[in-house]
Amino acid sequence: MRRRVLTGLALATGIVAGAAQAQVAQPAEDTPKEAVKALWQEQHKALDAHDIAGVMDTFADSDDIMLMGTGPGEHWVGREDVEDAYAQFMKNFAPHTKEVKCGEGAGTAEDNVAWLTAVCDFKDKKGNESRHFILNISAVLVKQDDAWRFHTMHYSQLLGGDSEPSQGASE
């Protein structure tokens, strides 16, 4: 159960944070970096406030949006499954307690699709327990109605062992 709690929390907080920090390369006159950063801030604010509708508004209007984690059973496809996953994740952390720092990351965009990766450092709380973990993330975004939206998110987290942050994680 502890693994699912930490993994779910990691998903809920990590993916969006990395999206904000990743470098999405495109010609300077049409760089989606600021739009992706604003989208992350919107999702982070909604998630931190436990606002499921706000979180879902940051996803593409598509029946095949997806979240995927590290282990078996951590794969949610479709709006209903993704919304249910976030509702469960929100039960596992206290609102307004997340701190996220991500390294530079990497990514690019072509036409109406962008993809990115990042390594992020997280802190949060549930009750009196403070938590800290590092998460690798990747995401695919699509441009709909002139706005970027998350379509696919994936995270991975080392559990059960100590590890040093990679060079991509911020200090």
N, C-alpha and C. Protein backbone atom coordinates (compact mmCIF):
# COMPACT_ATOMS: atom_id res chain seq x y z
N MET A 1 0.82 -1.19 0.00
CA MET A 1 0.00 0.00 0.00
C MET A 1 0.87 1.26 0.00
N ARG A 2 1.95 1.23 0.80
CA ARG A 2 2.84 2.39 0.86
C ARG A 2 3.41 2.71 -0.52
N ARG A 3 3.76 1.67 -1.27
CA ARG A 3 4.31 1.88 -2.60
C ARG A 3 3.28 2.57 -3.50
N ARG A 4 2.02 2.13 -3.45
CA ARG A 4 0.98 2.73 -4.27
C ARG A 4 0.75 4.18 -3.88
N VAL A 5 0.80 4.46 -2.58
CA VAL A 5 0.59 5.84 -2.12
C VAL A 5 1.70 6.73 -2.66
N LEU A 6 2.94 6.32 -2.48
CA LEU A 6 4.05 7.13 -2.96
C LEU A 6 4.06 7.25 -4.47
N THR A 7 3.78 6.15 -5.14
CA THR A 7 3.77 6.18 -6.60
C THR A 7 2.65 7.07 -7.11
N GLY A 8 1.49 6.94 -6.52
CA GLY A 8 0.37 7.79 -6.95
C GLY A 8 0.66 9.25 -6.71
N LEU A 9 1.23 9.55 -5.57
CA LEU A 9 1.58 10.93 -5.28
C LEU A 9 2.62 11.43 -6.26
N ALA A 10 3.57 10.58 -6.56
CA ALA A 10 4.60 10.97 -7.51
C ALA A 10 3.99 11.31 -8.86
N LEU A 11 3.09 10.49 -9.31
CA LEU A 11 2.43 10.77 -10.58
C LEU A 11 1.70 12.09 -10.52
N ALA A 12 0.94 12.26 -9.49
CA ALA A 12 0.09 13.44 -9.41
C ALA A 12 0.90 14.73 -9.34
N THR A 13 2.07 14.68 -8.73
CA THR A 13 2.84 15.90 -8.59
C THR A 13 3.97 16.02 -9.59
N GLY A 14 4.52 14.92 -9.99
CA GLY A 14 5.74 14.95 -10.75
C GLY A 14 5.63 15.28 -12.20
N ILE A 15 4.73 14.70 -12.86
CA ILE A 15 4.66 14.88 -14.29
C ILE A 15 4.50 16.34 -14.65
N VAL A 16 3.60 16.99 -13.99
CA VAL A 16 3.32 18.37 -14.33
C VAL A 16 4.49 19.28 -14.01
N ALA A 17 5.21 18.98 -12.97
CA ALA A 17 6.34 19.81 -12.62
C ALA A 17 7.42 19.72 -13.68
N GLY A 18 7.69 18.54 -14.16
CA GLY A 18 8.70 18.38 -15.19
C GLY A 18 8.32 19.08 -16.47
N ALA A 19 7.06 19.08 -16.79
CA ALA A 19 6.61 19.75 -18.00
C ALA A 19 6.94 21.22 -17.96
N ALA A 20 6.85 21.81 -16.81
CA ALA A 20 7.13 23.24 -16.70
C ALA A 20 8.60 23.53 -16.88
N GLN A 21 9.47 22.59 -16.51
CA GLN A 21 10.89 22.84 -16.53
C GLN A 21 11.57 22.38 -17.82
N ALA A 22 10.93 21.52 -18.57
CA ALA A 22 11.57 20.97 -19.77
C ALA A 22 11.76 22.04 -20.83
N GLN A 23 12.82 21.91 -21.57
CA GLN A 23 13.08 22.82 -22.67
C GLN A 23 12.41 22.27 -23.91
N VAL A 24 11.38 22.92 -24.39
CA VAL A 24 10.68 22.50 -25.59
C VAL A 24 11.21 23.37 -26.71
N ALA A 25 12.04 22.79 -27.59
CA ALA A 25 12.73 23.56 -28.62
C ALA A 25 11.87 23.74 -29.85
N GLN A 26 11.79 24.96 -30.33
CA GLN A 26 11.08 25.32 -31.55
C GLN A 26 11.54 26.72 -31.91
N PRO A 27 11.28 27.19 -33.11
CA PRO A 27 11.69 28.55 -33.45
C PRO A 27 11.21 29.56 -32.41
N ALA A 28 12.06 30.55 -32.12
CA ALA A 28 11.77 31.50 -31.04
C ALA A 28 10.43 32.19 -31.19
N GLU A 29 9.99 32.46 -32.40
CA GLU A 29 8.73 33.17 -32.58
C GLU A 29 7.51 32.31 -32.25
N ASP A 30 7.70 31.00 -32.12
CA ASP A 30 6.56 30.12 -31.85
C ASP A 30 6.91 29.08 -30.78
N THR A 31 7.64 29.49 -29.75
CA THR A 31 8.07 28.58 -28.70
C THR A 31 6.93 28.24 -27.76
N PRO A 32 6.62 26.95 -27.58
CA PRO A 32 5.55 26.56 -26.66
C PRO A 32 5.98 26.52 -25.19
N LYS A 33 7.25 26.82 -24.92
CA LYS A 33 7.75 26.70 -23.54
C LYS A 33 6.90 27.46 -22.53
N GLU A 34 6.59 28.71 -22.81
CA GLU A 34 5.80 29.51 -21.86
C GLU A 34 4.38 28.96 -21.72
N ALA A 35 3.81 28.48 -22.82
CA ALA A 35 2.46 27.90 -22.74
C ALA A 35 2.46 26.62 -21.92
N VAL A 36 3.50 25.80 -22.08
CA VAL A 36 3.60 24.56 -21.30
C VAL A 36 3.81 24.90 -19.83
N LYS A 37 4.64 25.90 -19.56
CA LYS A 37 4.86 26.32 -18.18
C LYS A 37 3.55 26.80 -17.54
N ALA A 38 2.78 27.58 -18.27
CA ALA A 38 1.48 28.06 -17.74
C ALA A 38 0.52 26.90 -17.52
N LEU A 39 0.55 25.92 -18.42
CA LEU A 39 -0.31 24.74 -18.27
C LEU A 39 0.08 23.97 -17.01
N TRP A 40 1.40 23.79 -16.81
CA TRP A 40 1.85 23.13 -15.59
C TRP A 40 1.38 23.88 -14.35
N GLN A 41 1.54 25.19 -14.35
CA GLN A 41 1.12 25.97 -13.18
C GLN A 41 -0.37 25.81 -12.93
N GLU A 42 -1.15 25.78 -13.99
CA GLU A 42 -2.60 25.57 -13.85
C GLU A 42 -2.89 24.20 -13.25
N GLN A 43 -2.22 23.16 -13.78
CA GLN A 43 -2.46 21.81 -13.26
C GLN A 43 -1.94 21.67 -11.83
N HIS A 44 -0.77 22.22 -11.56
CA HIS A 44 -0.19 22.13 -10.22
C HIS A 44 -1.09 22.81 -9.20
N LYS A 45 -1.59 23.98 -9.52
CA LYS A 45 -2.48 24.71 -8.61
C LYS A 45 -3.74 23.90 -8.33
N ALA A 46 -4.32 23.33 -9.38
CA ALA A 46 -5.55 22.52 -9.21
C ALA A 46 -5.26 21.26 -8.40
N LEU A 47 -4.17 20.59 -8.71
CA LEU A 47 -3.82 19.37 -7.99
C LEU A 47 -3.55 19.67 -6.52
N ASP A 48 -2.77 20.70 -6.27
CA ASP A 48 -2.43 21.05 -4.90
C ASP A 48 -3.67 21.43 -4.09
N ALA A 49 -4.68 21.98 -4.76
CA ALA A 49 -5.94 22.36 -4.10
C ALA A 49 -6.94 21.21 -4.07
N HIS A 50 -6.55 20.06 -4.63
CA HIS A 50 -7.45 18.90 -4.74
C HIS A 50 -8.67 19.23 -5.60
N ASP A 51 -8.46 19.97 -6.68
CA ASP A 51 -9.51 20.36 -7.62
C ASP A 51 -9.43 19.44 -8.84
N ILE A 52 -10.15 18.32 -8.80
CA ILE A 52 -10.07 17.33 -9.87
C ILE A 52 -10.53 17.89 -11.21
N ALA A 53 -11.56 18.72 -11.22
CA ALA A 53 -12.04 19.31 -12.48
C ALA A 53 -10.96 20.20 -13.09
N GLY A 54 -10.26 20.95 -12.25
CA GLY A 54 -9.18 21.79 -12.74
C GLY A 54 -8.04 20.98 -13.32
N VAL A 55 -7.70 19.87 -12.68
CA VAL A 55 -6.65 18.99 -13.21
C VAL A 55 -7.07 18.45 -14.57
N MET A 56 -8.29 17.97 -14.67
CA MET A 56 -8.75 17.37 -15.93
C MET A 56 -8.84 18.40 -17.05
N ASP A 57 -9.05 19.66 -16.72
CA ASP A 57 -9.09 20.71 -17.75
C ASP A 57 -7.74 20.89 -18.43
N THR A 58 -6.66 20.40 -17.82
CA THR A 58 -5.33 20.54 -18.43
C THR A 58 -5.02 19.41 -19.40
N PHE A 59 -5.90 18.43 -19.48
CA PHE A 59 -5.71 17.31 -20.39
C PHE A 59 -6.41 17.55 -21.72
N ALA A 60 -5.93 16.87 -22.74
CA ALA A 60 -6.53 16.96 -24.07
C ALA A 60 -7.97 16.47 -24.04
N ASP A 61 -8.76 17.02 -24.91
CA ASP A 61 -10.14 16.58 -25.08
C ASP A 61 -10.11 15.36 -25.99
N SER A 62 -9.81 14.21 -25.39
CA SER A 62 -9.63 12.98 -26.14
C SER A 62 -9.98 11.80 -25.24
N ASP A 63 -10.55 10.77 -25.82
CA ASP A 63 -10.92 9.59 -25.05
C ASP A 63 -9.74 8.69 -24.74
N ASP A 64 -8.57 8.96 -25.33
CA ASP A 64 -7.43 8.07 -25.13
C ASP A 64 -6.27 8.73 -24.37
N ILE A 65 -6.56 9.74 -23.54
CA ILE A 65 -5.49 10.28 -22.70
C ILE A 65 -4.99 9.17 -21.79
N MET A 66 -3.73 9.30 -21.32
CA MET A 66 -3.15 8.20 -20.56
C MET A 66 -2.18 8.69 -19.50
N LEU A 67 -2.17 7.97 -18.39
CA LEU A 67 -1.16 8.09 -17.35
C LEU A 67 -0.54 6.72 -17.16
N MET A 68 0.78 6.68 -16.97
CA MET A 68 1.43 5.39 -16.71
C MET A 68 2.51 5.60 -15.67
N GLY A 69 2.57 4.66 -14.73
CA GLY A 69 3.55 4.73 -13.67
C GLY A 69 4.65 3.70 -13.85
N THR A 70 5.22 3.30 -12.73
CA THR A 70 6.37 2.41 -12.73
C THR A 70 5.98 0.93 -12.74
N GLY A 71 4.97 0.56 -12.00
CA GLY A 71 4.70 -0.85 -11.78
C GLY A 71 3.42 -1.36 -12.40
N PRO A 72 3.17 -2.66 -12.20
CA PRO A 72 1.95 -3.29 -12.70
C PRO A 72 0.71 -2.58 -12.16
N GLY A 73 -0.27 -2.42 -12.99
CA GLY A 73 -1.52 -1.78 -12.59
C GLY A 73 -1.47 -0.27 -12.60
N GLU A 74 -0.32 0.32 -12.88
CA GLU A 74 -0.19 1.77 -12.91
C GLU A 74 -0.29 2.26 -14.35
N HIS A 75 -1.44 2.02 -14.93
CA HIS A 75 -1.70 2.38 -16.32
C HIS A 75 -3.17 2.75 -16.43
N TRP A 76 -3.45 4.01 -16.70
CA TRP A 76 -4.82 4.49 -16.76
C TRP A 76 -5.06 5.12 -18.12
N VAL A 77 -6.07 4.63 -18.84
CA VAL A 77 -6.38 5.11 -20.19
C VAL A 77 -7.81 5.61 -20.22
N GLY A 78 -8.00 6.78 -20.78
CA GLY A 78 -9.34 7.35 -20.91
C GLY A 78 -9.64 8.35 -19.81
N ARG A 79 -10.52 9.27 -20.10
CA ARG A 79 -10.83 10.35 -19.16
C ARG A 79 -11.34 9.83 -17.82
N GLU A 80 -12.22 8.84 -17.85
CA GLU A 80 -12.79 8.32 -16.61
C GLU A 80 -11.71 7.70 -15.72
N ASP A 81 -10.84 6.87 -16.31
CA ASP A 81 -9.78 6.23 -15.53
C ASP A 81 -8.78 7.25 -15.00
N VAL A 82 -8.41 8.21 -15.83
CA VAL A 82 -7.44 9.23 -15.41
C VAL A 82 -8.04 10.07 -14.28
N GLU A 83 -9.28 10.47 -14.42
CA GLU A 83 -9.93 11.25 -13.37
C GLU A 83 -10.01 10.45 -12.07
N ASP A 84 -10.36 9.18 -12.17
CA ASP A 84 -10.43 8.34 -10.97
C ASP A 84 -9.05 8.19 -10.33
N ALA A 85 -8.02 8.03 -11.15
CA ALA A 85 -6.66 7.91 -10.61
C ALA A 85 -6.28 9.17 -9.83
N TYR A 86 -6.53 10.33 -10.41
CA TYR A 86 -6.20 11.58 -9.70
C TYR A 86 -7.01 11.73 -8.42
N ALA A 87 -8.28 11.34 -8.45
CA ALA A 87 -9.11 11.42 -7.24
C ALA A 87 -8.50 10.55 -6.13
N GLN A 88 -8.00 9.37 -6.49
CA GLN A 88 -7.35 8.50 -5.51
C GLN A 88 -6.03 9.10 -5.03
N PHE A 89 -5.24 9.67 -5.95
CA PHE A 89 -3.96 10.26 -5.56
C PHE A 89 -4.17 11.40 -4.57
N MET A 90 -5.22 12.17 -4.77
CA MET A 90 -5.47 13.32 -3.91
C MET A 90 -5.75 12.92 -2.47
N LYS A 91 -6.15 11.69 -2.27
CA LYS A 91 -6.39 11.20 -0.91
C LYS A 91 -5.08 10.95 -0.16
N ASN A 92 -3.98 10.92 -0.90
CA ASN A 92 -2.71 10.49 -0.32
C ASN A 92 -1.74 11.62 0.01
N PHE A 93 -2.17 12.88 -0.10
CA PHE A 93 -1.31 13.98 0.31
C PHE A 93 -2.18 15.14 0.78
N ALA A 94 -1.61 15.95 1.65
CA ALA A 94 -2.34 17.11 2.18
C ALA A 94 -2.31 18.24 1.15
N PRO A 95 -3.41 18.93 0.98
CA PRO A 95 -3.43 20.06 0.05
C PRO A 95 -2.41 21.13 0.45
N HIS A 96 -1.88 21.80 -0.56
CA HIS A 96 -1.00 22.96 -0.38
C HIS A 96 0.28 22.61 0.37
N THR A 97 0.85 21.42 0.11
CA THR A 97 2.08 21.02 0.80
C THR A 97 3.20 20.64 -0.16
N LYS A 98 2.99 20.70 -1.45
CA LYS A 98 3.99 20.21 -2.39
C LYS A 98 5.05 21.26 -2.72
N GLU A 99 6.29 20.79 -2.77
CA GLU A 99 7.41 21.57 -3.30
C GLU A 99 8.04 20.72 -4.39
N VAL A 100 8.24 21.29 -5.56
CA VAL A 100 8.79 20.54 -6.68
C VAL A 100 9.91 21.36 -7.33
N LYS A 101 11.06 20.70 -7.53
CA LYS A 101 12.17 21.33 -8.24
C LYS A 101 12.63 20.36 -9.31
N CYS A 102 12.70 20.85 -10.54
CA CYS A 102 13.10 19.99 -11.66
C CYS A 102 14.36 20.53 -12.31
N GLY A 103 15.15 19.60 -12.85
CA GLY A 103 16.29 19.99 -13.65
C GLY A 103 15.80 20.53 -14.98
N GLU A 104 16.70 20.89 -15.83
CA GLU A 104 16.34 21.50 -17.11
C GLU A 104 15.45 20.63 -17.98
N GLY A 105 15.69 19.35 -18.02
CA GLY A 105 14.89 18.49 -18.88
C GLY A 105 15.25 18.67 -20.34
N ALA A 106 14.51 17.97 -21.18
CA ALA A 106 14.73 18.05 -22.63
C ALA A 106 13.41 17.81 -23.32
N GLY A 107 13.28 18.31 -24.52
CA GLY A 107 12.06 18.09 -25.27
C GLY A 107 12.08 18.84 -26.58
N THR A 108 11.03 18.67 -27.33
CA THR A 108 10.91 19.37 -28.60
C THR A 108 9.44 19.41 -29.00
N ALA A 109 9.15 20.15 -30.03
CA ALA A 109 7.78 20.24 -30.54
C ALA A 109 7.81 20.29 -32.05
N GLU A 110 6.82 19.69 -32.66
CA GLU A 110 6.62 19.76 -34.10
C GLU A 110 5.14 19.90 -34.34
N ASP A 111 4.78 20.91 -35.08
CA ASP A 111 3.38 21.17 -35.39
C ASP A 111 2.55 21.21 -34.11
N ASN A 112 1.63 20.28 -33.95
CA ASN A 112 0.71 20.29 -32.81
C ASN A 112 1.03 19.25 -31.75
N VAL A 113 2.29 18.76 -31.72
CA VAL A 113 2.70 17.76 -30.74
C VAL A 113 4.02 18.19 -30.10
N ALA A 114 4.11 18.03 -28.79
CA ALA A 114 5.36 18.30 -28.06
C ALA A 114 5.62 17.13 -27.12
N TRP A 115 6.88 16.86 -26.85
CA TRP A 115 7.22 15.81 -25.91
C TRP A 115 8.41 16.30 -25.09
N LEU A 116 8.52 15.77 -23.87
CA LEU A 116 9.55 16.26 -22.96
C LEU A 116 9.89 15.22 -21.91
N THR A 117 11.05 15.41 -21.29
CA THR A 117 11.49 14.59 -20.17
C THR A 117 12.12 15.49 -19.11
N ALA A 118 12.13 15.03 -17.88
CA ALA A 118 12.77 15.78 -16.80
C ALA A 118 12.99 14.86 -15.60
N VAL A 119 13.89 15.27 -14.73
CA VAL A 119 14.13 14.62 -13.44
C VAL A 119 13.77 15.65 -12.38
N CYS A 120 12.87 15.26 -11.47
CA CYS A 120 12.34 16.23 -10.50
C CYS A 120 12.51 15.74 -9.06
N ASP A 121 12.67 16.68 -8.16
CA ASP A 121 12.83 16.44 -6.74
C ASP A 121 11.56 16.94 -6.04
N PHE A 122 10.95 16.10 -5.20
CA PHE A 122 9.66 16.42 -4.58
C PHE A 122 9.72 16.35 -3.07
N LYS A 123 8.95 17.23 -2.46
CA LYS A 123 8.70 17.20 -1.02
C LYS A 123 7.22 17.48 -0.83
N ASP A 124 6.60 16.79 0.13
CA ASP A 124 5.20 17.05 0.47
C ASP A 124 4.93 16.53 1.87
N LYS A 125 3.68 16.62 2.27
CA LYS A 125 3.29 16.15 3.60
C LYS A 125 1.93 15.47 3.55
N LYS A 126 1.79 14.53 4.46
CA LYS A 126 0.49 13.94 4.76
C LYS A 126 0.45 13.79 6.27
N GLY A 127 -0.46 14.50 6.90
CA GLY A 127 -0.47 14.52 8.35
C GLY A 127 0.83 15.12 8.86
N ASN A 128 1.48 14.42 9.78
CA ASN A 128 2.76 14.90 10.32
C ASN A 128 3.96 14.35 9.57
N GLU A 129 3.72 13.54 8.56
CA GLU A 129 4.80 12.90 7.82
C GLU A 129 5.24 13.76 6.64
N SER A 130 6.53 14.09 6.63
CA SER A 130 7.12 14.78 5.47
C SER A 130 7.71 13.72 4.56
N ARG A 131 7.56 13.92 3.26
CA ARG A 131 8.08 12.95 2.29
C ARG A 131 8.99 13.65 1.29
N HIS A 132 9.95 12.89 0.78
CA HIS A 132 10.90 13.39 -0.21
C HIS A 132 11.21 12.26 -1.18
N PHE A 133 11.17 12.55 -2.48
CA PHE A 133 11.51 11.54 -3.48
C PHE A 133 11.88 12.21 -4.79
N ILE A 134 12.55 11.45 -5.64
CA ILE A 134 12.97 11.91 -6.97
C ILE A 134 12.21 11.10 -8.00
N LEU A 135 11.82 11.77 -9.07
CA LEU A 135 10.96 11.16 -10.07
C LEU A 135 11.47 11.49 -11.47
N ASN A 136 11.54 10.50 -12.33
CA ASN A 136 11.79 10.71 -13.76
C ASN A 136 10.44 10.81 -14.45
N ILE A 137 10.31 11.76 -15.35
CA ILE A 137 9.02 11.93 -16.02
C ILE A 137 9.20 12.12 -17.52
N SER A 138 8.14 11.81 -18.23
CA SER A 138 8.04 12.16 -19.65
C SER A 138 6.58 12.46 -19.94
N ALA A 139 6.35 13.29 -20.93
CA ALA A 139 4.98 13.66 -21.27
C ALA A 139 4.89 13.98 -22.75
N VAL A 140 3.71 13.75 -23.29
CA VAL A 140 3.37 14.16 -24.65
C VAL A 140 2.22 15.15 -24.53
N LEU A 141 2.33 16.27 -25.21
CA LEU A 141 1.29 17.27 -25.22
C LEU A 141 0.78 17.45 -26.64
N VAL A 142 -0.46 17.84 -26.77
CA VAL A 142 -1.03 18.15 -28.08
C VAL A 142 -1.60 19.56 -28.02
N LYS A 143 -1.61 20.20 -29.16
CA LYS A 143 -2.18 21.54 -29.25
C LYS A 143 -3.60 21.42 -29.77
N GLN A 144 -4.55 21.87 -28.96
CA GLN A 144 -5.97 21.85 -29.34
C GLN A 144 -6.52 23.25 -29.18
N ASP A 145 -7.18 23.74 -30.21
CA ASP A 145 -7.76 25.09 -30.16
C ASP A 145 -6.72 26.12 -29.71
N ASP A 146 -5.53 26.04 -30.28
CA ASP A 146 -4.43 26.96 -29.99
C ASP A 146 -3.93 26.93 -28.55
N ALA A 147 -4.18 25.84 -27.83
CA ALA A 147 -3.69 25.70 -26.45
C ALA A 147 -3.06 24.32 -26.28
N TRP A 148 -1.94 24.26 -25.56
CA TRP A 148 -1.30 22.98 -25.28
C TRP A 148 -2.04 22.27 -24.17
N ARG A 149 -2.18 20.94 -24.31
CA ARG A 149 -2.84 20.10 -23.32
C ARG A 149 -2.04 18.81 -23.18
N PHE A 150 -2.00 18.27 -21.97
CA PHE A 150 -1.35 16.99 -21.75
C PHE A 150 -2.19 15.89 -22.39
N HIS A 151 -1.51 14.97 -23.06
CA HIS A 151 -2.18 13.79 -23.62
C HIS A 151 -1.70 12.53 -22.91
N THR A 152 -0.40 12.36 -22.81
CA THR A 152 0.18 11.16 -22.21
C THR A 152 1.24 11.57 -21.20
N MET A 153 1.20 10.93 -20.03
CA MET A 153 2.20 11.20 -19.00
C MET A 153 2.73 9.87 -18.47
N HIS A 154 4.03 9.84 -18.23
CA HIS A 154 4.66 8.64 -17.68
C HIS A 154 5.64 9.08 -16.61
N TYR A 155 5.72 8.31 -15.53
CA TYR A 155 6.66 8.59 -14.46
C TYR A 155 7.32 7.30 -14.03
N SER A 156 8.52 7.42 -13.50
CA SER A 156 9.17 6.27 -12.88
C SER A 156 9.87 6.75 -11.62
N GLN A 157 9.87 5.87 -10.64
CA GLN A 157 10.42 6.21 -9.34
C GLN A 157 11.10 4.99 -8.75
N LEU A 158 12.33 5.16 -8.30
CA LEU A 158 13.03 4.09 -7.61
C LEU A 158 12.47 3.96 -6.21
N LEU A 159 12.04 2.78 -5.85
CA LEU A 159 11.51 2.54 -4.51
C LEU A 159 12.31 1.44 -3.85
N GLY A 160 12.46 1.55 -2.55
CA GLY A 160 13.11 0.49 -1.79
C GLY A 160 14.62 0.54 -1.79
N GLY A 161 15.21 1.64 -2.19
CA GLY A 161 16.65 1.73 -2.16
C GLY A 161 17.09 3.17 -2.16
N ASP A 162 18.31 3.39 -1.70
CA ASP A 162 18.86 4.74 -1.72
C ASP A 162 19.55 4.95 -3.05
N SER A 163 19.42 6.14 -3.57
CA SER A 163 20.13 6.46 -4.80
C SER A 163 20.47 7.93 -4.79
N GLU A 164 21.53 8.25 -5.48
CA GLU A 164 21.93 9.64 -5.63
C GLU A 164 21.14 10.24 -6.79
N PRO A 165 20.76 11.52 -6.68
CA PRO A 165 20.07 12.16 -7.80
C PRO A 165 20.97 12.18 -9.03
N SER A 166 20.37 12.07 -10.19
CA SER A 166 21.15 12.15 -11.42
C SER A 166 21.56 13.60 -11.64
N GLN A 167 22.40 13.82 -12.62
CA GLN A 167 22.83 15.17 -12.92
C GLN A 167 21.67 16.06 -13.36
N GLY A 168 20.54 15.46 -13.77
CA GLY A 168 19.40 16.24 -14.21
C GLY A 168 18.53 16.76 -13.09
N ALA A 169 18.64 16.21 -11.90
CA ALA A 169 17.82 16.68 -10.77
C ALA A 169 18.46 17.92 -10.18
N SER A 170 17.65 18.90 -9.87
CA SER A 170 18.19 20.12 -9.28
C SER A 170 18.52 19.88 -7.82
N GLU A 171 19.39 20.68 -7.31
CA GLU A 171 19.81 20.51 -5.91
C GLU A 171 19.07 21.47 -5.03
